[in-house]
């Protein structure tokens, strides 16, 4: 019975990510078509409307939002909304995980983090995965960072939180993983990771 259960769980683990991804894409497509399609049907004459127009308009709106996010004012509004969501207890956990996963796919991780590193703290045997966020402290208080100091962000698993440490450069060693894989490793508590060859 244990062998059957293990085999079933292995099959489930293999198919579940694919099913969830397909279901999410279908749900998003259907939602865009239903909501925007209904709006377009009310505005456009029947001759101009065709099935799938809501989805196409939704994709165009998402693309337009991506362009607008380059404008400082729009960025400010989105940062304010994110800050608001980070103050709601359950919502902030869900939002944090979704935000970090989408940033992995959008490539924004490269703008935020310089490199993935292993941090060795003095007097302890364990090591932590971190991300270099700053190596230049010019214009900041002297006691925050000086020459040879770097800022390293240590995220907690499942995006519960994290710490930013100011460390001497010799306390870290480069981690031979891409930023995406190192973040995936950290956010899933080491469960999910791969090394691109």
Protein backbone atom coordinates (compact mmCIF):
# COMPACT_ATOMS: atom_id res chain seq x y z
CA UNK A 1 0.00 0.00 0.00
CA UNK A 2 2.89 2.37 0.79
CA UNK A 3 4.36 1.77 -2.66
CA UNK A 4 1.02 2.55 -4.33
CA UNK A 5 0.64 5.73 -2.27
CA UNK A 6 4.19 6.84 -3.09
CA UNK A 7 3.64 6.17 -6.80
CA UNK A 8 0.35 8.07 -6.77
CA UNK A 9 1.94 11.05 -4.96
CA UNK A 10 4.86 11.06 -7.42
CA UNK A 11 2.40 11.22 -10.32
CA UNK A 12 0.39 13.92 -8.56
CA UNK A 13 3.54 15.98 -7.90
CA UNK A 14 4.46 15.71 -11.58
CA UNK A 15 1.06 16.68 -13.00
CA UNK A 16 -0.20 19.18 -10.38
CA UNK A 17 2.09 22.13 -11.35
CA UNK A 18 1.06 21.70 -15.01
CA UNK A 19 -2.64 21.51 -14.13
CA UNK A 20 -2.45 24.53 -11.82
CA UNK A 21 -0.61 26.56 -14.48
CA UNK A 22 -3.10 25.63 -17.22
CA UNK A 23 -6.06 26.25 -14.88
CA UNK A 24 -4.66 29.68 -13.92
CA UNK A 25 -4.16 30.68 -17.55
CA UNK A 26 -7.65 29.46 -18.49
CA UNK A 27 -9.20 31.23 -15.50
CA UNK A 28 -7.44 34.48 -16.35
CA UNK A 29 -8.43 34.18 -20.02
CA UNK A 30 -12.07 33.43 -19.19
CA UNK A 31 -12.22 36.22 -16.62
CA UNK A 32 -10.83 38.77 -19.09
CA UNK A 33 -13.25 37.59 -21.77
CA UNK A 34 -16.28 37.63 -19.48
CA UNK A 35 -15.61 40.98 -17.83
CA UNK A 36 -14.16 42.94 -20.73
CA UNK A 37 -16.21 41.07 -23.33
CA UNK A 38 -19.42 42.07 -21.55
CA UNK A 39 -18.26 45.71 -21.44
CA UNK A 40 -17.33 45.65 -25.13
CA UNK A 41 -20.66 44.07 -26.09
CA UNK A 42 -22.44 46.92 -24.34
CA UNK A 43 -20.35 49.58 -26.10
CA UNK A 44 -19.71 48.15 -29.56
CA UNK A 45 -22.28 47.21 -32.18
CA UNK A 46 -22.76 43.46 -32.69
CA UNK A 47 -21.08 43.67 -36.08
CA UNK A 48 -17.75 44.82 -34.59
CA UNK A 49 -17.66 42.45 -31.60
CA UNK A 50 -16.22 38.96 -31.97
CA UNK A 51 -15.55 36.21 -29.38
CA UNK A 52 -12.11 36.60 -27.87
CA UNK A 53 -12.09 40.39 -28.18
CA UNK A 54 -12.27 40.74 -24.38
CA UNK A 55 -9.13 38.61 -24.02
CA UNK A 56 -7.28 40.63 -26.67
CA UNK A 57 -8.28 43.93 -25.05
CA UNK A 58 -7.23 42.52 -21.64
CA UNK A 59 -3.78 41.60 -22.98
CA UNK A 60 -3.47 45.07 -24.54
CA UNK A 61 -4.47 46.71 -21.22
CA UNK A 62 -1.89 44.65 -19.30
CA UNK A 63 0.76 45.68 -21.83
CA UNK A 64 -0.32 49.31 -21.50
CA UNK A 65 -0.07 49.01 -17.71
CA UNK A 66 3.48 47.73 -18.11
CA UNK A 67 4.30 50.85 -20.13
CA UNK A 68 2.56 53.14 -17.63
CA UNK A 69 4.56 51.62 -14.76
CA UNK A 70 7.60 53.39 -16.19
CA UNK A 71 5.97 56.73 -15.30
CA UNK A 72 6.99 58.02 -11.87
CA UNK A 73 3.45 59.01 -10.78
CA UNK A 74 1.99 55.59 -11.66
CA UNK A 75 4.87 53.88 -9.84
CA UNK A 76 4.05 55.95 -6.77
CA UNK A 77 0.40 54.89 -6.86
CA UNK A 78 1.36 51.22 -7.17
CA UNK A 79 3.90 51.47 -4.34
CA UNK A 80 1.19 53.03 -2.18
CA UNK A 81 -1.23 50.19 -3.04
CA UNK A 82 1.46 47.59 -2.27
CA UNK A 83 2.20 49.28 1.04
CA UNK A 84 -1.50 49.17 1.87
CA UNK A 85 -1.67 45.44 1.08
CA UNK A 86 1.41 44.80 3.23
CA UNK A 87 -0.49 46.08 6.28
CA UNK A 88 -3.34 43.53 6.03
CA UNK A 89 -2.34 40.37 7.96
CA UNK A 90 -3.33 37.46 5.66
CA UNK A 91 -3.30 39.46 2.44
CA UNK A 92 0.34 40.54 2.92
CA UNK A 93 1.55 36.91 2.98
CA UNK A 94 -0.37 35.92 -0.16
CA UNK A 95 0.53 39.16 -1.93
CA UNK A 96 4.21 38.80 -1.00
CA UNK A 97 4.51 35.29 -2.41
CA UNK A 98 2.62 36.13 -5.62
CA UNK A 99 4.63 39.34 -6.06
CA UNK A 100 7.97 37.60 -5.67
CA UNK A 101 7.06 34.75 -7.99
CA UNK A 102 5.85 37.16 -10.69
CA UNK A 103 9.04 39.20 -10.30
CA UNK A 104 11.02 36.04 -11.00
CA UNK A 105 9.26 35.75 -14.36
CA UNK A 106 9.29 39.46 -15.20
CA UNK A 107 13.06 39.76 -14.83
CA UNK A 108 12.70 42.45 -12.15
CA UNK A 109 14.82 40.33 -9.81
CA UNK A 110 17.93 41.40 -11.77
CA UNK A 111 17.15 45.06 -11.08
CA UNK A 112 16.78 44.48 -7.33
CA UNK A 113 19.57 42.03 -6.58
CA UNK A 114 23.16 42.06 -7.75
CA UNK A 115 24.11 38.45 -7.07
CA UNK A 116 23.20 35.44 -4.99
CA UNK A 117 25.66 34.68 -2.18
CA UNK A 118 26.24 32.39 0.78
CA UNK A 119 26.60 34.31 4.04
CA UNK A 120 28.77 32.92 6.83
CA UNK A 121 28.15 34.50 10.20
CA UNK A 122 30.93 34.53 12.83
CA UNK A 123 30.76 31.96 15.62
CA UNK A 124 28.08 29.74 14.05
CA UNK A 125 28.23 26.67 11.82
CA UNK A 126 25.24 27.42 9.61
CA UNK A 127 25.20 29.40 6.38
CA UNK A 128 22.45 31.49 4.79
CA UNK A 129 21.47 32.25 1.21
CA UNK A 130 21.38 35.99 0.57
CA UNK A 131 21.21 38.55 -2.21
CA UNK A 132 23.55 41.54 -2.55
CA UNK A 133 21.42 44.68 -2.76
CA UNK A 134 24.05 47.41 -2.35
CA UNK A 135 27.82 47.73 -2.51
CA UNK A 136 28.05 51.53 -2.62
CA UNK A 137 26.99 53.52 0.47
CA UNK A 138 27.92 56.96 -0.84
CA UNK A 139 25.51 59.60 0.41
CA UNK A 140 24.38 57.43 3.33
CA UNK A 141 25.45 57.68 6.99
CA UNK A 142 29.03 56.47 7.60
CA UNK A 143 28.00 53.93 10.23
CA UNK A 144 25.59 52.26 7.78
CA UNK A 145 28.32 51.14 5.41
CA UNK A 146 31.89 51.96 4.56
CA UNK A 147 34.34 50.82 1.90
CA UNK A 148 34.41 47.03 1.63
CA UNK A 149 30.91 46.71 3.11
CA UNK A 150 27.95 45.30 1.21
CA UNK A 151 24.24 45.10 2.01
CA UNK A 152 22.88 41.55 1.80
CA UNK A 153 19.18 40.75 1.95
CA UNK A 154 18.33 37.45 3.64
CA UNK A 155 14.73 36.51 2.74
CA UNK A 156 12.78 34.12 4.94
CA UNK A 157 11.11 31.09 3.41
CA UNK A 158 7.60 31.53 2.01
CA UNK A 159 8.10 35.33 2.12
CA UNK A 160 7.36 35.72 5.81
CA UNK A 161 9.92 38.52 5.96
CA UNK A 162 13.65 39.01 5.79
CA UNK A 163 16.69 40.87 7.09
CA UNK A 164 19.18 43.22 5.48
CA UNK A 165 22.70 42.84 6.88
CA UNK A 166 25.62 45.16 6.30
CA UNK A 167 28.62 42.83 6.04
CA UNK A 168 32.26 42.92 5.05
CA UNK A 169 32.65 41.52 1.54
CA UNK A 170 34.83 38.67 2.85
CA UNK A 171 31.91 37.26 4.88
CA UNK A 172 30.12 36.17 1.70
CA UNK A 173 30.99 33.84 -1.12
CA UNK A 174 29.33 33.77 -4.55
CA UNK A 175 26.63 31.13 -5.00
CA UNK A 176 26.80 29.29 -8.30
CA UNK A 177 23.06 29.60 -8.95
CA UNK A 178 21.12 32.06 -11.06
CA UNK A 179 19.18 34.71 -9.14
CA UNK A 180 15.91 33.01 -10.11
CA UNK A 181 17.00 29.59 -8.87
CA UNK A 182 18.52 30.97 -5.68
CA UNK A 183 15.29 32.89 -4.94
CA UNK A 184 13.20 29.81 -5.71
CA UNK A 185 15.42 27.76 -3.38
CA UNK A 186 15.03 30.31 -0.58
CA UNK A 187 11.31 31.00 -0.93
CA UNK A 188 10.44 27.28 -0.94
CA UNK A 189 12.72 26.46 2.03
CA UNK A 190 15.09 24.49 -0.19
CA UNK A 191 12.36 22.26 -1.60
CA UNK A 192 12.46 23.61 -5.15
CA UNK A 193 15.71 24.40 -6.91
CA UNK A 194 17.67 23.46 -9.95
CA UNK A 195 20.97 24.44 -11.42
CA UNK A 196 21.03 25.49 -15.07
CA UNK A 197 23.93 23.90 -16.88
